[in-house]
Amino acid sequence: MDPTITSEALLAELARLVAFPTYRNPKPFLDYLVQRLPFLPWTWQPVDPARGVYNLYA
């Protein structure tokens, strides 16, 4: 499997994902993003897990 993705394809995917109701709880959105782009070296950093606040680095 070729792990490359064009910037246009990435932008299209992000635009589609942003349509999710993620404003109050972005964790499912971020989990989905990690699943869709598994070739990036994703790293979670919990900021305030009680409130569901995480940083996600790629």
N, C-alpha and C. Protein backbone atom coordinates (compact mmCIF):
# COMPACT_ATOMS: atom_id res chain seq x y z
N MET A 1 0.84 -1.18 0.00
CA MET A 1 0.00 0.00 0.00
C MET A 1 0.88 1.25 0.00
N ASP A 2 0.58 2.15 -0.89
CA ASP A 2 1.35 3.39 -0.99
C ASP A 2 0.84 4.38 0.05
N PRO A 3 1.67 4.76 0.99
CA PRO A 3 1.19 5.62 2.09
C PRO A 3 1.18 7.11 1.76
N THR A 4 1.29 7.46 0.48
CA THR A 4 1.26 8.87 0.13
C THR A 4 -0.17 9.33 -0.10
N ILE A 5 -0.39 10.61 0.11
CA ILE A 5 -1.71 11.18 -0.13
C ILE A 5 -1.49 12.59 -0.67
N THR A 6 -2.27 12.96 -1.65
CA THR A 6 -2.09 14.30 -2.22
C THR A 6 -2.70 15.33 -1.27
N SER A 7 -2.20 16.54 -1.36
CA SER A 7 -2.74 17.59 -0.50
C SER A 7 -4.22 17.83 -0.82
N GLU A 8 -4.60 17.68 -2.10
CA GLU A 8 -6.00 17.86 -2.46
C GLU A 8 -6.88 16.80 -1.80
N ALA A 9 -6.41 15.55 -1.82
CA ALA A 9 -7.18 14.47 -1.20
C ALA A 9 -7.27 14.68 0.31
N LEU A 10 -6.18 15.14 0.90
CA LEU A 10 -6.19 15.38 2.34
C LEU A 10 -7.16 16.50 2.69
N LEU A 11 -7.14 17.58 1.92
CA LEU A 11 -8.05 18.69 2.17
C LEU A 11 -9.50 18.26 1.99
N ALA A 12 -9.76 17.44 0.98
CA ALA A 12 -11.12 16.96 0.76
C ALA A 12 -11.58 16.10 1.93
N GLU A 13 -10.69 15.25 2.42
CA GLU A 13 -11.03 14.39 3.56
C GLU A 13 -11.29 15.23 4.80
N LEU A 14 -10.43 16.21 5.04
CA LEU A 14 -10.61 17.07 6.21
C LEU A 14 -11.90 17.87 6.11
N ALA A 15 -12.20 18.38 4.92
CA ALA A 15 -13.43 19.15 4.74
C ALA A 15 -14.65 18.28 5.04
N ARG A 16 -14.60 17.02 4.61
CA ARG A 16 -15.72 16.11 4.87
C ARG A 16 -15.82 15.81 6.37
N LEU A 17 -14.68 15.62 7.01
CA LEU A 17 -14.68 15.28 8.43
C LEU A 17 -15.15 16.44 9.29
N VAL A 18 -14.82 17.65 8.88
CA VAL A 18 -15.18 18.82 9.69
C VAL A 18 -16.70 18.97 9.76
N ALA A 19 -17.41 18.35 8.84
CA ALA A 19 -18.87 18.40 8.88
C ALA A 19 -19.44 17.62 10.06
N PHE A 20 -18.62 16.79 10.70
CA PHE A 20 -19.07 16.06 11.89
C PHE A 20 -19.42 17.03 13.01
N PRO A 21 -20.35 16.69 13.88
CA PRO A 21 -20.65 17.55 15.04
C PRO A 21 -19.59 17.39 16.13
N THR A 22 -18.45 18.02 15.90
CA THR A 22 -17.30 17.77 16.77
C THR A 22 -17.02 18.91 17.74
N TYR A 23 -17.84 19.92 17.74
CA TYR A 23 -17.47 21.12 18.48
C TYR A 23 -17.42 20.88 19.98
N ARG A 24 -18.31 20.05 20.49
CA ARG A 24 -18.32 19.81 21.93
C ARG A 24 -17.44 18.63 22.33
N ASN A 25 -17.26 17.70 21.43
CA ASN A 25 -16.44 16.53 21.75
C ASN A 25 -15.66 16.10 20.51
N PRO A 26 -14.44 16.61 20.35
CA PRO A 26 -13.68 16.29 19.13
C PRO A 26 -13.00 14.92 19.16
N LYS A 27 -13.06 14.21 20.30
CA LYS A 27 -12.33 12.94 20.40
C LYS A 27 -12.75 11.93 19.33
N PRO A 28 -14.05 11.69 19.08
CA PRO A 28 -14.41 10.74 18.02
C PRO A 28 -13.90 11.19 16.65
N PHE A 29 -13.94 12.48 16.40
CA PHE A 29 -13.43 13.01 15.14
C PHE A 29 -11.93 12.73 15.01
N LEU A 30 -11.19 12.96 16.08
CA LEU A 30 -9.75 12.73 16.04
C LEU A 30 -9.43 11.25 15.91
N ASP A 31 -10.21 10.41 16.59
CA ASP A 31 -10.01 8.96 16.45
C ASP A 31 -10.24 8.54 15.00
N TYR A 32 -11.28 9.10 14.38
CA TYR A 32 -11.59 8.77 12.99
C TYR A 32 -10.46 9.25 12.07
N LEU A 33 -9.93 10.43 12.37
CA LEU A 33 -8.84 10.96 11.56
C LEU A 33 -7.62 10.05 11.65
N VAL A 34 -7.32 9.56 12.84
CA VAL A 34 -6.19 8.64 13.02
C VAL A 34 -6.42 7.36 12.21
N GLN A 35 -7.65 6.87 12.19
CA GLN A 35 -7.95 5.66 11.42
C GLN A 35 -7.80 5.89 9.93
N ARG A 36 -8.20 7.07 9.46
CA ARG A 36 -8.16 7.36 8.03
C ARG A 36 -6.75 7.67 7.53
N LEU A 37 -5.90 8.16 8.42
CA LEU A 37 -4.53 8.53 8.03
C LEU A 37 -3.53 7.80 8.92
N PRO A 38 -3.52 6.46 8.86
CA PRO A 38 -2.72 5.68 9.81
C PRO A 38 -1.22 5.78 9.57
N PHE A 39 -0.81 6.28 8.40
CA PHE A 39 0.61 6.30 8.08
C PHE A 39 1.33 7.48 8.72
N LEU A 40 0.58 8.43 9.27
CA LEU A 40 1.22 9.53 9.98
C LEU A 40 1.57 9.08 11.40
N PRO A 41 2.68 9.55 11.93
CA PRO A 41 3.08 9.15 13.29
C PRO A 41 2.30 9.92 14.35
N TRP A 42 1.03 9.55 14.52
CA TRP A 42 0.16 10.26 15.45
C TRP A 42 0.64 10.06 16.89
N THR A 43 0.56 11.11 17.68
CA THR A 43 0.91 11.05 19.09
C THR A 43 -0.13 11.81 19.89
N TRP A 44 -0.76 11.11 20.84
CA TRP A 44 -1.74 11.75 21.72
C TRP A 44 -1.03 12.36 22.92
N GLN A 45 -1.48 13.53 23.33
CA GLN A 45 -1.00 14.12 24.58
C GLN A 45 -2.22 14.61 25.34
N PRO A 46 -2.60 13.92 26.43
CA PRO A 46 -3.74 14.37 27.20
C PRO A 46 -3.45 15.71 27.87
N VAL A 47 -4.33 16.66 27.67
CA VAL A 47 -4.20 17.98 28.29
C VAL A 47 -5.09 18.04 29.52
N ASP A 48 -6.36 17.71 29.31
CA ASP A 48 -7.33 17.67 30.42
C ASP A 48 -8.32 16.56 30.11
N PRO A 49 -7.95 15.30 30.38
CA PRO A 49 -8.81 14.17 30.01
C PRO A 49 -10.20 14.24 30.64
N ALA A 50 -10.33 14.85 31.81
CA ALA A 50 -11.65 14.94 32.45
C ALA A 50 -12.61 15.73 31.57
N ARG A 51 -12.10 16.71 30.85
CA ARG A 51 -12.93 17.50 29.95
C ARG A 51 -12.83 17.01 28.51
N GLY A 52 -12.04 15.96 28.29
CA GLY A 52 -11.89 15.44 26.93
C GLY A 52 -10.98 16.30 26.07
N VAL A 53 -10.00 16.96 26.69
CA VAL A 53 -9.10 17.83 25.93
C VAL A 53 -7.78 17.09 25.68
N TYR A 54 -7.46 16.95 24.41
CA TYR A 54 -6.23 16.27 24.01
C TYR A 54 -5.54 17.08 22.93
N ASN A 55 -4.24 16.98 22.89
CA ASN A 55 -3.48 17.46 21.74
C ASN A 55 -3.14 16.25 20.89
N LEU A 56 -3.19 16.43 19.59
CA LEU A 56 -2.87 15.35 18.66
C LEU A 56 -1.82 15.87 17.70
N TYR A 57 -0.66 15.22 17.72
CA TYR A 57 0.43 15.63 16.85
C TYR A 57 0.63 14.61 15.75
N ALA A 58 0.98 15.12 14.57
CA ALA A 58 1.33 14.24 13.46
C ALA A 58 2.67 14.68 12.90
